[in-house]
Amino acid sequence: MLCVVKNISLNGFLLSHLPAIGEKDVLALSCGAVKSVDMNAELRGEEDLFARLTTLSRDKGITILLHTDFYAAGGTFNSAAVIDGGICGVSDEINPRSYHDAGGALRCFNTSRGRVGILLGEDILYPELWARLAICAPSAIFCFSKTYRAGLYSSLAALCNCGVCAVSPERCGCYSDCGTLLKSAYENISFLPFPSGGRQPRILTKKVRTSIE
């Protein structure tokens, strides 16, 4: 089961929903939950967000995805961190169209819930990035963006033969590995089925063709 939090602070969510978190598999925190992360301050020990989220992940046995602005290396990046008993890593938006700097890390992460891929912001519009993720054979791909693009999520799921979890300010939804919408919601706190997919991406077997106009 997937819990999505958006437009509500992390502390506010935990105060009201902490007992129920242990019943979920994945907790996805969108930009409304944490405004920003200063990686330099985290490394210096001046801030402890990652320490708190790592402890939460271990205590509750859940995988946490945190999407927000990351300040690092003198730039501002649209990024998402994956935490699964420890910090698995950070993935960036490669092709930003706003004030963000271009990132350099499009990655998949091995977690206790399977192999998780991340697509951020406008990167959903670039099929070559879909192909790069598909080669990594993810079990699920999380798409965090300002706009909800239902048709693209369905195609992405079918191409990569995996589940897709999409989160935007107005809506979130989960798609099966064949591109079928399993459930969507508009609430700031949503509980959705966590989809997973097959091991062999269809892009590698040339069973599916997709295009973006």
C-alpha atoms as a PDB file:
ATOM      1  CA  MET A   1       0.000   0.000   0.000  1.00  0.00           C
ATOM      2  CA  LEU A   2       1.203   3.490  -0.927  1.00  0.00           C
ATOM      3  CA  CYS A   3       0.608   6.647   1.114  1.00  0.00           C
ATOM      4  CA  VAL A   4       1.031   9.964  -0.753  1.00  0.00           C
ATOM      5  CA  VAL A   5       1.385  13.243   1.161  1.00  0.00           C
ATOM      6  CA  LYS A   6       1.195  16.618  -0.583  1.00  0.00           C
ATOM      7  CA  ASN A   7       0.471  20.188   0.555  1.00  0.00           C
ATOM      8  CA  ILE A   8       0.717  19.134   4.203  1.00  0.00           C
ATOM      9  CA  SER A   9       3.851  19.501   6.307  1.00  0.00           C
ATOM     10  CA  LEU A  10       5.690  16.359   7.311  1.00  0.00           C
ATOM     11  CA  ASN A  11       5.305  17.184  11.006  1.00  0.00           C
ATOM     12  CA  GLY A  12       1.575  17.804  10.610  1.00  0.00           C
ATOM     13  CA  PHE A  13       1.145  14.498   8.811  1.00  0.00           C
ATOM     14  CA  LEU A  14       3.101  12.532  11.406  1.00  0.00           C
ATOM     15  CA  LEU A  15       1.122  14.027  14.297  1.00  0.00           C
ATOM     16  CA  SER A  16      -2.143  12.718  12.872  1.00  0.00           C
ATOM     17  CA  HIS A  17      -1.102   9.579  10.969  1.00  0.00           C
ATOM     18  CA  LEU A  18       2.017   8.153  12.633  1.00  0.00           C
ATOM     19  CA  PRO A  19       0.261   5.031  14.062  1.00  0.00           C
ATOM     20  CA  ALA A  20      -1.005   4.037  10.613  1.00  0.00           C
ATOM     21  CA  ILE A  21       2.300   4.420   8.761  1.00  0.00           C
ATOM     22  CA  GLY A  22       3.494   0.970   9.763  1.00  0.00           C
ATOM     23  CA  GLU A  23       0.604  -0.534   7.809  1.00  0.00           C
ATOM     24  CA  LYS A  24       1.913   0.940   4.525  1.00  0.00           C
ATOM     25  CA  ASP A  25       4.721  -0.185   2.239  1.00  0.00           C
ATOM     26  CA  VAL A  26       5.768   3.145   0.715  1.00  0.00           C
ATOM     27  CA  LEU A  27       5.433   6.762   1.885  1.00  0.00           C
ATOM     28  CA  ALA A  28       5.741   9.377  -0.898  1.00  0.00           C
ATOM     29  CA  LEU A  29       6.337  12.932   0.330  1.00  0.00           C
ATOM     30  CA  SER A  30       5.763  15.584  -2.334  1.00  0.00           C
ATOM     31  CA  CYS A  31       6.956  19.207  -2.298  1.00  0.00           C
ATOM     32  CA  GLY A  32       4.255  20.352   0.121  1.00  0.00           C
ATOM     33  CA  ALA A  33       5.566  18.101   2.882  1.00  0.00           C
ATOM     34  CA  VAL A  34       9.147  19.438   3.000  1.00  0.00           C
ATOM     35  CA  LYS A  35       9.881  22.826   1.399  1.00  0.00           C
ATOM     36  CA  SER A  36      13.568  22.229   0.697  1.00  0.00           C
ATOM     37  CA  VAL A  37      16.680  20.310   1.710  1.00  0.00           C
ATOM     38  CA  ASP A  38      20.078  21.934   2.232  1.00  0.00           C
ATOM     39  CA  MET A  39      22.469  19.061   1.624  1.00  0.00           C
ATOM     40  CA  ASN A  40      25.454  21.017   2.934  1.00  0.00           C
ATOM     41  CA  ALA A  41      23.649  21.684   6.229  1.00  0.00           C
ATOM     42  CA  GLU A  42      22.660  18.002   6.434  1.00  0.00           C
ATOM     43  CA  LEU A  43      26.276  16.925   5.960  1.00  0.00           C
ATOM     44  CA  ARG A  44      27.482  19.399   8.587  1.00  0.00           C
ATOM     45  CA  GLY A  45      24.920  18.137  11.095  1.00  0.00           C
ATOM     46  CA  GLU A  46      23.134  21.483  11.256  1.00  0.00           C
ATOM     47  CA  GLU A  47      19.906  19.894  10.009  1.00  0.00           C
ATOM     48  CA  ASP A  48      18.626  16.388  10.708  1.00  0.00           C
ATOM     49  CA  LEU A  49      15.825  15.721   8.203  1.00  0.00           C
ATOM     50  CA  PHE A  50      17.508  12.670   6.673  1.00  0.00           C
ATOM     51  CA  ALA A  51      18.372  11.286  10.105  1.00  0.00           C
ATOM     52  CA  ARG A  52      14.719  11.557  11.150  1.00  0.00           C
ATOM     53  CA  LEU A  53      13.413  10.001   7.949  1.00  0.00           C
ATOM     54  CA  THR A  54      15.944   7.162   8.154  1.00  0.00           C
ATOM     55  CA  THR A  55      14.829   6.427  11.725  1.00  0.00           C
ATOM     56  CA  LEU A  56      11.181   6.510  10.625  1.00  0.00           C
ATOM     57  CA  SER A  57      11.914   4.128   7.757  1.00  0.00           C
ATOM     58  CA  ARG A  58      13.670   1.657  10.046  1.00  0.00           C
ATOM     59  CA  ASP A  59      11.130   1.849  12.882  1.00  0.00           C
ATOM     60  CA  LYS A  60       8.083   1.457  10.632  1.00  0.00           C
ATOM     61  CA  GLY A  61       9.628  -0.798   7.989  1.00  0.00           C
ATOM     62  CA  ILE A  62       8.633   1.474   5.115  1.00  0.00           C
ATOM     63  CA  THR A  63      10.305   2.902   2.030  1.00  0.00           C
ATOM     64  CA  ILE A  64      10.203   6.718   1.877  1.00  0.00           C
ATOM     65  CA  LEU A  65      10.427   8.901  -1.224  1.00  0.00           C
ATOM     66  CA  LEU A  66      11.053  12.602  -0.606  1.00  0.00           C
ATOM     67  CA  HIS A  67      10.503  15.077  -3.464  1.00  0.00           C
ATOM     68  CA  THR A  68      11.531  18.714  -3.001  1.00  0.00           C
ATOM     69  CA  ASP A  69      14.159  21.331  -3.892  1.00  0.00           C
ATOM     70  CA  PHE A  70      17.685  20.257  -3.012  1.00  0.00           C
ATOM     71  CA  TYR A  71      20.420  22.840  -2.460  1.00  0.00           C
ATOM     72  CA  ALA A  72      23.777  21.258  -3.245  1.00  0.00           C
ATOM     73  CA  ALA A  73      27.070  22.101  -4.957  1.00  0.00           C
ATOM     74  CA  GLY A  74      26.061  25.727  -5.386  1.00  0.00           C
ATOM     75  CA  GLY A  75      22.872  24.898  -7.296  1.00  0.00           C
ATOM     76  CA  THR A  76      19.159  24.290  -6.775  1.00  0.00           C
ATOM     77  CA  PHE A  77      17.876  20.970  -8.077  1.00  0.00           C
ATOM     78  CA  ASN A  78      14.446  19.408  -8.470  1.00  0.00           C
ATOM     79  CA  SER A  79      15.213  16.060  -6.857  1.00  0.00           C
ATOM     80  CA  ALA A  80      13.840  13.057  -5.024  1.00  0.00           C
ATOM     81  CA  ALA A  81      15.591  11.013  -2.350  1.00  0.00           C
ATOM     82  CA  VAL A  82      14.880   7.337  -1.682  1.00  0.00           C
ATOM     83  CA  ILE A  83      15.204   6.117   1.908  1.00  0.00           C
ATOM     84  CA  ASP A  84      14.856   2.450   2.818  1.00  0.00           C
ATOM     85  CA  GLY A  85      16.379   1.848   6.227  1.00  0.00           C
ATOM     86  CA  GLY A  86      19.162   4.124   5.001  1.00  0.00           C
ATOM     87  CA  ILE A  87      19.679   6.660   2.236  1.00  0.00           C
ATOM     88  CA  CYS A  88      19.616   4.776  -1.082  1.00  0.00           C
ATOM     89  CA  GLY A  89      20.387   7.886  -3.125  1.00  0.00           C
ATOM     90  CA  VAL A  90      19.028  10.955  -4.907  1.00  0.00           C
ATOM     91  CA  SER A  91      17.674  11.334  -8.443  1.00  0.00           C
ATOM     92  CA  ASP A  92      17.470  14.721 -10.250  1.00  0.00           C
ATOM     93  CA  GLU A  93      15.377  16.335 -12.968  1.00  0.00           C
ATOM     94  CA  ILE A  94      17.541  16.280 -16.094  1.00  0.00           C
ATOM     95  CA  ASN A  95      15.643  18.812 -18.258  1.00  0.00           C
ATOM     96  CA  PRO A  96      14.152  21.519 -15.988  1.00  0.00           C
ATOM     97  CA  ARG A  97      12.188  24.408 -17.505  1.00  0.00           C
ATOM     98  CA  SER A  98      12.165  26.593 -14.396  1.00  0.00           C
ATOM     99  CA  TYR A  99      14.695  28.066 -11.998  1.00  0.00           C
ATOM    100  CA  HIS A 100      16.168  24.648 -11.215  1.00  0.00           C
ATOM    101  CA  ASP A 101      19.607  23.634 -12.369  1.00  0.00           C
ATOM    102  CA  ALA A 102      19.926  20.628 -14.666  1.00  0.00           C
ATOM    103  CA  GLY A 103      20.673  17.489 -12.713  1.00  0.00           C
ATOM    104  CA  GLY A 104      22.946  14.671 -13.729  1.00  0.00           C
ATOM    105  CA  ALA A 105      21.515  11.628 -11.969  1.00  0.00           C
ATOM    106  CA  LEU A 106      18.603   9.651 -13.421  1.00  0.00           C
ATOM    107  CA  ARG A 107      18.647   6.483 -11.358  1.00  0.00           C
ATOM    108  CA  CYS A 108      16.870   3.360 -10.175  1.00  0.00           C
ATOM    109  CA  PHE A 109      17.196   2.185  -6.589  1.00  0.00           C
ATOM    110  CA  ASN A 110      17.035  -1.278  -5.076  1.00  0.00           C
ATOM    111  CA  THR A 111      14.637  -1.215  -2.113  1.00  0.00           C
ATOM    112  CA  SER A 112      12.821  -3.758   0.029  1.00  0.00           C
ATOM    113  CA  ARG A 113       9.741  -3.100  -2.168  1.00  0.00           C
ATOM    114  CA  GLY A 114      11.555  -3.774  -5.411  1.00  0.00           C
ATOM    115  CA  ARG A 115      13.539  -1.686  -7.851  1.00  0.00           C
ATOM    116  CA  VAL A 116      12.246   1.907  -7.936  1.00  0.00           C
ATOM    117  CA  GLY A 117      12.812   4.454 -10.717  1.00  0.00           C
ATOM    118  CA  ILE A 118      12.203   8.219 -10.530  1.00  0.00           C
ATOM    119  CA  LEU A 119      11.059  10.743 -13.170  1.00  0.00           C
ATOM    120  CA  LEU A 120      10.815  14.404 -12.155  1.00  0.00           C
ATOM    121  CA  GLY A 121       9.096  17.438 -13.653  1.00  0.00           C
ATOM    122  CA  GLU A 122       9.424  17.828 -17.411  1.00  0.00           C
ATOM    123  CA  ASP A 123      11.508  14.676 -17.811  1.00  0.00           C
ATOM    124  CA  ILE A 124       8.261  12.774 -18.456  1.00  0.00           C
ATOM    125  CA  LEU A 125       8.229  14.474 -21.893  1.00  0.00           C
ATOM    126  CA  TYR A 126      11.487  12.842 -23.016  1.00  0.00           C
ATOM    127  CA  PRO A 127      11.055   9.256 -24.341  1.00  0.00           C
ATOM    128  CA  GLU A 128      14.817   8.699 -24.297  1.00  0.00           C
ATOM    129  CA  LEU A 129      14.666   8.965 -20.510  1.00  0.00           C
ATOM    130  CA  TRP A 130      11.883   6.374 -20.468  1.00  0.00           C
ATOM    131  CA  ALA A 131      14.223   4.056 -22.362  1.00  0.00           C
ATOM    132  CA  ARG A 132      17.053   4.649 -19.913  1.00  0.00           C
ATOM    133  CA  LEU A 133      14.797   3.754 -17.008  1.00  0.00           C
ATOM    134  CA  ALA A 134      13.357   0.732 -18.809  1.00  0.00           C
ATOM    135  CA  ILE A 135      16.811  -0.775 -19.269  1.00  0.00           C
ATOM    136  CA  CYS A 136      17.154  -0.705 -15.462  1.00  0.00           C
ATOM    137  CA  ALA A 137      14.037  -2.952 -15.253  1.00  0.00           C
ATOM    138  CA  PRO A 138      12.265  -1.149 -12.383  1.00  0.00           C
ATOM    139  CA  SER A 139       9.362  -2.697 -10.489  1.00  0.00           C
ATOM    140  CA  ALA A 140       7.745   0.745 -10.229  1.00  0.00           C
ATOM    141  CA  ILE A 141       8.426   4.289 -11.449  1.00  0.00           C
ATOM    142  CA  PHE A 142       7.456   7.367  -9.443  1.00  0.00           C
ATOM    143  CA  CYS A 143       6.663  10.517 -11.446  1.00  0.00           C
ATOM    144  CA  PHE A 144       6.609  13.813  -9.529  1.00  0.00           C
ATOM    145  CA  SER A 145       5.537  16.878 -11.532  1.00  0.00           C
ATOM    146  CA  LYS A 146       3.403  20.036 -11.447  1.00  0.00           C
ATOM    147  CA  THR A 147       1.033  18.717 -14.127  1.00  0.00           C
ATOM    148  CA  TYR A 148      -0.802  15.405 -14.116  1.00  0.00           C
ATOM    149  CA  ARG A 149      -0.381  13.741 -17.542  1.00  0.00           C
ATOM    150  CA  ALA A 150      -2.566  10.637 -17.486  1.00  0.00           C
ATOM    151  CA  GLY A 151      -1.874   9.468 -21.037  1.00  0.00           C
ATOM    152  CA  LEU A 152       1.879   9.584 -20.607  1.00  0.00           C
ATOM    153  CA  TYR A 153       1.830   7.614 -17.357  1.00  0.00           C
ATOM    154  CA  SER A 154      -0.223   4.889 -19.006  1.00  0.00           C
ATOM    155  CA  SER A 155       2.230   4.663 -21.932  1.00  0.00           C
ATOM    156  CA  LEU A 156       5.239   4.708 -19.600  1.00  0.00           C
ATOM    157  CA  ALA A 157       3.831   1.814 -17.574  1.00  0.00           C
ATOM    158  CA  ALA A 158       3.149  -0.262 -20.693  1.00  0.00           C
ATOM    159  CA  LEU A 159       6.565   0.488 -22.192  1.00  0.00           C
ATOM    160  CA  CYS A 160       8.569  -0.346 -19.092  1.00  0.00           C
ATOM    161  CA  ASN A 161       6.293  -3.223 -18.036  1.00  0.00           C
ATOM    162  CA  CYS A 162       6.108  -1.840 -14.503  1.00  0.00           C
ATOM    163  CA  GLY A 163       3.769   0.026 -12.194  1.00  0.00           C
ATOM    164  CA  VAL A 164       3.716   3.826 -12.297  1.00  0.00           C
ATOM    165  CA  CYS A 165       2.858   6.081  -9.356  1.00  0.00           C
ATOM    166  CA  ALA A 166       2.213   9.690 -10.414  1.00  0.00           C
ATOM    167  CA  VAL A 167       2.064  12.656  -8.024  1.00  0.00           C
ATOM    168  CA  SER A 168       1.130  16.245  -8.882  1.00  0.00           C
ATOM    169  CA  PRO A 169      -0.309  19.108  -6.790  1.00  0.00           C
ATOM    170  CA  GLU A 170      -3.854  18.460  -7.991  1.00  0.00           C
ATOM    171  CA  ARG A 171      -3.938  14.679  -8.348  1.00  0.00           C
ATOM    172  CA  CYS A 172      -2.114  11.410  -7.786  1.00  0.00           C
ATOM    173  CA  GLY A 173      -2.670   7.990  -9.302  1.00  0.00           C
ATOM    174  CA  CYS A 174      -1.295   4.480  -9.765  1.00  0.00           C
ATOM    175  CA  TYR A 175      -1.117   2.515 -13.031  1.00  0.00           C
ATOM    176  CA  SER A 176      -0.583  -1.190 -13.552  1.00  0.00           C
ATOM    177  CA  ASP A 177       2.161  -2.628 -15.744  1.00  0.00           C
ATOM    178  CA  CYS A 178      -0.244  -2.763 -18.701  1.00  0.00           C
ATOM    179  CA  GLY A 179      -1.099   0.945 -18.349  1.00  0.00           C
ATOM    180  CA  THR A 180      -4.459   0.561 -16.614  1.00  0.00           C
ATOM    181  CA  LEU A 181      -5.363   3.148 -13.981  1.00  0.00           C
ATOM    182  CA  LEU A 182      -5.763   1.305 -10.687  1.00  0.00           C
ATOM    183  CA  LYS A 183      -6.844   4.254  -8.553  1.00  0.00           C
ATOM    184  CA  SER A 184      -6.478   8.026  -8.401  1.00  0.00           C
ATOM    185  CA  ALA A 185      -7.194  10.659  -5.767  1.00  0.00           C
ATOM    186  CA  TYR A 186      -7.276  14.427  -5.320  1.00  0.00           C
ATOM    187  CA  GLU A 187      -6.854  14.550  -1.542  1.00  0.00           C
ATOM    188  CA  ASN A 188      -3.704  15.866   0.138  1.00  0.00           C
ATOM    189  CA  ILE A 189      -3.306  12.517   1.905  1.00  0.00           C
ATOM    190  CA  SER A 190      -4.080   9.543  -0.340  1.00  0.00           C
ATOM    191  CA  PHE A 191      -3.867   5.786   0.099  1.00  0.00           C
ATOM    192  CA  LEU A 192      -3.328   3.891  -3.139  1.00  0.00           C
ATOM    193  CA  PRO A 193      -2.367   0.354  -4.170  1.00  0.00           C
ATOM    194  CA  PHE A 194       1.359   0.040  -4.764  1.00  0.00           C
ATOM    195  CA  PRO A 195       1.784  -1.530  -8.217  1.00  0.00           C
ATOM    196  CA  SER A 196       4.685  -3.599  -9.450  1.00  0.00           C
ATOM    197  CA  GLY A 197       5.470  -5.058 -12.828  1.00  0.00           C
ATOM    198  CA  GLY A 198       7.218  -7.763 -14.802  1.00  0.00           C
ATOM    199  CA  ARG A 199      10.948  -8.237 -14.995  1.00  0.00           C
ATOM    200  CA  GLN A 200      11.347  -7.733 -18.750  1.00  0.00           C
ATOM    201  CA  PRO A 201      10.625  -4.217 -20.091  1.00  0.00           C
ATOM    202  CA  ARG A 202       8.649  -4.299 -23.325  1.00  0.00           C
ATOM    203  CA  ILE A 203      10.978  -1.731 -24.885  1.00  0.00           C
ATOM    204  CA  LEU A 204      13.641  -4.449 -24.982  1.00  0.00           C
ATOM    205  CA  THR A 205      11.355  -6.875 -26.778  1.00  0.00           C
ATOM    206  CA  LYS A 206       9.904  -4.225 -29.161  1.00  0.00           C
ATOM    207  CA  LYS A 207       6.313  -5.121 -28.263  1.00  0.00           C
ATOM    208  CA  VAL A 208       5.187  -1.554 -27.651  1.00  0.00           C
ATOM    209  CA  ARG A 209       5.662   1.656 -29.611  1.00  0.00           C
ATOM    210  CA  THR A 210       5.067   5.063 -28.057  1.00  0.00           C
ATOM    211  CA  SER A 211       5.319   8.637 -29.258  1.00  0.00           C
ATOM    212  CA  ILE A 212       4.923  12.056 -27.717  1.00  0.00           C
ATOM    213  CA  GLU A 213       3.644  14.915 -29.861  1.00  0.00           C
END
